[in-house]
C-alpha cells in the first residue's frame, strides 16, 4: 500500500509538472493581451485582433501569430525569431529594427510596412504582399521572396545575398546600388524600376521585363539578357561586357554610349 501511494504521488507530481508550462503560457497570453507584459514567447495568438497595438520591444520568439491582425501595430525592435506569421495582416505596421530571423510570413500582408534595418535572414516571405514597403538596410540573407509582391518597394541598401526572388512582382522597385550578382532573376517584371549602379554581374535575366528601368551605371557584364525586354531602359554608362543579348529588345533604350536606339 505504501509503495502504491508513493507511485501515485509521483505520477501526480509528474502530471502537475507537465501542466505548468501550459499554464505559464496561458498566463503569458492573458498578460500580453491585457498590455501588462511584452513577453509572450511561443504563445498561441493565432487569429487574434492586435491591430494598432503598441508592441514595441515585445518578445514573441516562436509565437503562433498565424492569420493574426497586426495592421498598424508598432513592433519596433520586437523579436519574432521563428514565429509563425503566415497569412497575418501587417499592413502599415512599424517593424523597424525587428528581429524576425527564420520567421514564416508566407502569404502575409505587409503592404506599406516599415522594415528599416529589420533582420529577416532565412525568413519565408513567399507570396507576401510588400507593396510600397520600405526595407532600406534590411537583412534578407537566404530569405525566400518567391512570388512576393514588391511593387514600388524600397530595397535600397538592403542585403539580399542568397535571397530567392523567382516569380516576384518588382514593378517600380527601388534597387539602387544593390548587389544582385549571379542571382536568378529570370522572368521577373522590373518595369519602371530604379536600378542605378546595381551590380547584375552574371545574373540570369532571361525574359525579364526591364522596360523603362533606370539602369544608369549598372554592371551587366556576363549577365544573361536573352529575350529580356529593355524597351526605353536607361543603360547610360552601364557595362555590358560579355552579356548575352540574343533576342533582347532594346527599342528606344539609351545605350552605354549615351545614344538612344532608334
Protein backbone atom coordinates (compact mmCIF):
# COMPACT_ATOMS: atom_id res chain seq x y z
CA UNK A 1 0.00 0.00 0.00
CA UNK A 2 2.81 2.33 0.93
CA UNK A 3 4.61 1.65 -2.38
CA UNK A 4 1.38 2.26 -4.31
CA UNK A 5 0.88 5.60 -2.51
CA UNK A 6 4.42 6.67 -3.36
CA UNK A 7 3.88 5.76 -7.02
CA UNK A 8 0.57 7.64 -7.11
CA UNK A 9 2.17 10.71 -5.58
CA UNK A 10 4.96 10.51 -8.15
CA UNK A 11 2.53 10.30 -11.03
CA UNK A 12 0.55 13.26 -9.70
CA UNK A 13 3.74 15.31 -9.35
CA UNK A 14 4.74 14.46 -12.92
CA UNK A 15 1.29 15.44 -14.21
CA UNK A 16 1.43 18.74 -12.36
CA UNK A 17 4.90 19.45 -13.75
CA UNK A 18 3.66 18.74 -17.28
CA UNK A 19 0.80 21.17 -16.84
CA UNK A 20 2.94 24.04 -15.55
CA UNK A 21 4.38 25.16 -18.91
CA UNK A 22 0.89 25.32 -20.49
CA UNK A 23 -0.43 27.28 -17.51
CA UNK A 24 2.53 29.64 -17.67
CA UNK A 25 1.96 30.19 -21.37
CA UNK A 26 -1.72 30.85 -20.74
CA UNK A 27 -0.80 33.44 -18.13
CA UNK A 28 1.66 34.99 -20.59
CA UNK A 29 -1.08 35.26 -23.23
CA UNK A 30 -3.52 36.91 -20.84
CA UNK A 31 -0.91 39.37 -19.54
CA UNK A 32 0.18 40.13 -23.11
CA UNK A 33 -3.36 40.77 -24.31
CA UNK A 34 -4.03 42.92 -21.26
CA UNK A 35 -0.98 45.03 -22.10
CA UNK A 36 0.75 44.33 -18.79
CA UNK A 37 3.54 42.25 -20.35
CA UNK A 38 5.59 42.33 -23.56
CA UNK A 39 6.75 38.74 -23.05
CA UNK A 40 4.88 36.05 -24.96
CA UNK A 41 7.47 33.55 -26.17
CA UNK A 42 5.89 30.58 -28.02
CA UNK A 43 2.39 31.89 -27.21
CA UNK A 44 -0.56 30.96 -29.38
CA UNK A 45 -2.02 34.23 -30.69
CA UNK A 46 -3.39 32.80 -33.92
CA UNK A 47 -6.17 34.90 -35.42
CA UNK A 48 -6.05 37.48 -32.64
CA UNK A 49 -7.03 41.11 -33.24
CA UNK A 50 -3.88 43.07 -32.36
CA UNK A 51 -4.26 45.95 -34.80
CA UNK A 52 -2.83 49.34 -33.80
CA UNK A 53 -1.34 47.81 -30.63
CA UNK A 54 1.87 49.16 -29.08
CA UNK A 55 4.10 46.08 -29.11
CA UNK A 56 7.46 47.83 -29.16
CA UNK A 57 10.27 45.54 -27.93
CA UNK A 58 7.84 42.64 -27.44
CA UNK A 59 9.40 39.17 -27.09
CA UNK A 60 7.44 36.93 -29.45
CA UNK A 61 10.04 34.35 -30.45
CA UNK A 62 8.38 31.16 -31.68
CA UNK A 63 4.91 32.68 -31.21
CA UNK A 64 1.98 31.45 -33.29
CA UNK A 65 0.51 34.53 -34.97
CA UNK A 66 -1.00 32.81 -37.99
CA UNK A 67 -3.79 34.95 -39.52
CA UNK A 68 -3.47 37.50 -36.68
CA UNK A 69 -4.41 41.12 -37.42
CA UNK A 70 -1.40 43.32 -36.61
CA UNK A 71 -2.19 46.07 -39.10
CA UNK A 72 -0.97 49.45 -37.91
CA UNK A 73 0.75 47.91 -34.88
CA UNK A 74 4.17 49.06 -33.67
CA UNK A 75 6.59 46.14 -33.37
CA UNK A 76 9.67 48.36 -33.26
CA UNK A 77 12.64 46.29 -32.03
CA UNK A 78 10.38 43.31 -31.31
CA UNK A 79 11.84 39.80 -31.56
CA UNK A 80 9.94 37.31 -33.73
CA UNK A 81 12.57 34.68 -34.45
CA UNK A 82 10.97 31.51 -35.82
CA UNK A 83 7.49 32.98 -35.24
CA UNK A 84 4.60 31.78 -37.43
CA UNK A 85 3.02 34.83 -39.10
CA UNK A 86 1.63 33.02 -42.13
CA UNK A 87 -1.36 34.89 -43.51
CA UNK A 88 -1.06 37.63 -40.87
CA UNK A 89 -2.21 41.19 -41.60
CA UNK A 90 0.64 43.64 -41.00
CA UNK A 91 -0.24 46.46 -43.39
CA UNK A 92 1.22 49.83 -42.36
CA UNK A 93 2.82 48.27 -39.27
CA UNK A 94 6.12 49.52 -37.85
CA UNK A 95 8.62 46.66 -38.00
CA UNK A 96 11.74 48.82 -37.95
CA UNK A 97 14.77 47.01 -36.45
CA UNK A 98 12.64 43.90 -35.80
CA UNK A 99 14.43 40.55 -35.39
CA UNK A 100 12.42 38.04 -37.42
CA UNK A 101 15.09 35.57 -38.46
CA UNK A 102 13.63 32.29 -39.82
CA UNK A 103 10.06 33.56 -39.30
CA UNK A 104 7.29 32.16 -41.50
CA UNK A 105 5.44 35.05 -43.18
CA UNK A 106 4.01 33.06 -46.07
CA UNK A 107 1.16 34.95 -47.74
CA UNK A 108 1.18 37.74 -45.13
CA UNK A 109 0.08 41.30 -45.96
CA UNK A 110 2.99 43.67 -45.31
CA UNK A 111 1.89 46.42 -47.68
CA UNK A 112 3.21 49.84 -46.68
CA UNK A 113 5.12 48.33 -43.76
CA UNK A 114 8.28 49.88 -42.28
CA UNK A 115 11.14 47.37 -42.20
CA UNK A 116 14.16 49.66 -41.84
CA UNK A 117 17.16 47.63 -40.59
CA UNK A 118 14.89 44.63 -39.96
CA UNK A 119 16.56 41.22 -39.80
CA UNK A 120 14.61 38.76 -41.96
CA UNK A 121 17.52 36.41 -42.64
CA UNK A 122 16.28 32.97 -43.62
CA UNK A 123 12.64 34.07 -43.33
CA UNK A 124 9.94 32.62 -45.56
CA UNK A 125 8.35 35.57 -47.38
CA UNK A 126 6.87 33.58 -50.24
CA UNK A 127 3.79 35.24 -51.78
CA UNK A 128 3.99 38.10 -49.28
CA UNK A 129 2.45 41.44 -50.21
CA UNK A 130 5.24 44.01 -49.70
CA UNK A 131 3.74 46.65 -51.99
CA UNK A 132 5.15 50.06 -51.07
CA UNK A 133 7.12 48.59 -48.15
CA UNK A 134 10.31 50.30 -47.02
CA UNK A 135 13.13 47.81 -46.50
CA UNK A 136 16.20 50.07 -46.58
CA UNK A 137 19.17 48.35 -44.87
CA UNK A 138 17.02 45.27 -44.10
CA UNK A 139 18.82 41.92 -43.91
CA UNK A 140 17.24 39.38 -46.23
CA UNK A 141 20.10 36.87 -46.48
CA UNK A 142 18.85 33.47 -47.67
CA UNK A 143 15.22 34.66 -47.40
CA UNK A 144 12.57 33.32 -49.77
CA UNK A 145 10.72 36.08 -51.64
CA UNK A 146 9.42 33.77 -54.34
CA UNK A 147 6.16 35.04 -55.76
CA UNK A 148 6.25 38.08 -53.45
CA UNK A 149 4.60 41.34 -54.49
CA UNK A 150 7.29 44.03 -54.22
CA UNK A 151 5.63 46.72 -56.34
CA UNK A 152 7.20 50.12 -55.50
CA UNK A 153 9.06 48.60 -52.54
CA UNK A 154 12.22 50.38 -51.39
CA UNK A 155 15.09 47.87 -51.20
CA UNK A 156 17.95 50.34 -51.42
CA UNK A 157 20.95 49.10 -49.43
CA UNK A 158 19.06 46.00 -48.29
CA UNK A 159 21.17 42.84 -48.07
CA UNK A 160 19.89 40.22 -50.46
CA UNK A 161 22.74 37.71 -50.62
CA UNK A 162 21.28 34.28 -51.27
CA UNK A 163 17.69 35.57 -51.38
CA UNK A 164 15.30 33.80 -53.77
CA UNK A 165 13.19 36.12 -55.94
CA UNK A 166 11.79 33.77 -58.55
CA UNK A 167 8.34 34.89 -59.71
CA UNK A 168 8.37 38.11 -57.66
CA UNK A 169 6.50 41.19 -58.95
CA UNK A 170 9.05 44.02 -58.77
CA UNK A 171 7.44 46.75 -60.86
CA UNK A 172 8.65 50.19 -59.81
CA UNK A 173 11.00 48.70 -57.20
CA UNK A 174 13.95 50.73 -55.88
CA UNK A 175 17.17 48.69 -56.08
CA UNK A 176 19.81 51.39 -56.50
CA UNK A 177 23.36 50.17 -55.81
CA UNK A 178 22.06 46.72 -54.88
CA UNK A 179 24.26 43.62 -55.19
CA UNK A 180 22.39 41.06 -57.29
CA UNK A 181 25.41 39.22 -58.68
CA UNK A 182 24.72 35.76 -60.12
CA UNK A 183 21.09 35.81 -58.96
CA UNK A 184 18.24 34.07 -60.78
CA UNK A 185 16.00 36.96 -61.86
CA UNK A 186 14.62 35.31 -64.96
CA UNK A 187 11.12 36.33 -65.99
CA UNK A 188 10.78 39.00 -63.26
CA UNK A 189 8.86 42.19 -64.09
CA UNK A 190 11.01 45.22 -63.10
CA UNK A 191 9.05 47.70 -65.25
CA UNK A 192 9.86 51.37 -64.43
CA UNK A 193 12.10 50.39 -61.53
CA UNK A 194 15.15 52.27 -60.25
CA UNK A 195 18.30 50.15 -60.53
CA UNK A 196 21.01 52.80 -60.70
CA UNK A 197 24.52 51.33 -60.37
CA UNK A 198 23.07 47.92 -59.49
CA UNK A 199 25.51 45.00 -59.73
CA UNK A 200 23.97 42.34 -62.00
CA UNK A 201 27.24 40.65 -62.94
CA UNK A 202 26.48 37.15 -64.21
CA UNK A 203 22.79 37.43 -63.26
CA UNK A 204 20.16 35.39 -65.07
CA UNK A 205 17.75 37.94 -66.57
CA UNK A 206 16.32 35.80 -69.33
CA UNK A 207 12.86 37.02 -70.38
CA UNK A 208 12.88 39.65 -67.61
CA UNK A 209 10.87 42.82 -68.20
CA UNK A 210 13.19 45.81 -67.74
CA UNK A 211 11.12 48.26 -69.77
CA UNK A 212 11.72 51.86 -68.70
CA UNK A 213 14.09 50.79 -65.91
CA UNK A 214 16.83 53.23 -64.88
CA UNK A 215 19.98 51.10 -65.17
CA UNK A 216 22.43 54.01 -65.25
CA UNK A 217 25.92 52.74 -64.45
CA UNK A 218 24.65 49.18 -63.89
CA UNK A 219 27.09 46.29 -64.11
CA UNK A 220 25.66 43.72 -66.51
CA UNK A 221 28.92 42.07 -67.51
CA UNK A 222 28.36 38.38 -68.14
CA UNK A 223 24.62 38.73 -67.49
CA UNK A 224 22.16 36.62 -69.47
CA UNK A 225 19.70 39.03 -71.10
CA UNK A 226 18.37 36.66 -73.74
CA UNK A 227 14.75 37.51 -74.54
CA UNK A 228 14.69 40.35 -71.99
CA UNK A 229 12.63 43.46 -72.67
CA UNK A 230 14.73 46.63 -72.23
CA UNK A 231 12.48 48.93 -74.23
CA UNK A 232 13.05 52.54 -73.15
CA UNK A 233 15.53 51.50 -70.44
CA UNK A 234 18.37 53.83 -69.45
CA UNK A 235 21.67 51.95 -69.88
CA UNK A 236 23.93 55.02 -69.97
CA UNK A 237 27.37 54.17 -68.53
CA UNK A 238 26.26 50.57 -67.99
CA UNK A 239 28.72 47.72 -68.53
CA UNK A 240 27.53 45.02 -70.93
CA UNK A 241 30.82 43.21 -71.50
CA UNK A 242 30.23 39.52 -72.34
CA UNK A 243 26.48 39.88 -71.71
CA UNK A 244 24.26 37.56 -73.75
CA UNK A 245 21.68 39.69 -75.55
CA UNK A 246 20.24 37.38 -78.21
CA UNK A 247 16.56 38.20 -78.71
CA UNK A 248 16.65 41.12 -76.24
CA UNK A 249 14.54 44.18 -77.07
CA UNK A 250 16.50 47.47 -76.86
CA UNK A 251 13.97 49.61 -78.73
CA UNK A 252 14.19 53.28 -77.65
CA UNK A 253 16.72 52.33 -74.95
CA UNK A 254 19.61 54.66 -74.04
CA UNK A 255 22.74 52.59 -74.59
CA UNK A 256 26.04 52.75 -72.63
CA UNK A 257 27.43 55.36 -75.04
CA UNK A 258 24.50 57.66 -74.22
CA UNK A 259 22.82 57.23 -77.61
CA UNK A 260 19.18 56.18 -77.87
CA UNK A 261 18.31 53.22 -80.10
CA UNK A 262 16.10 54.36 -82.96
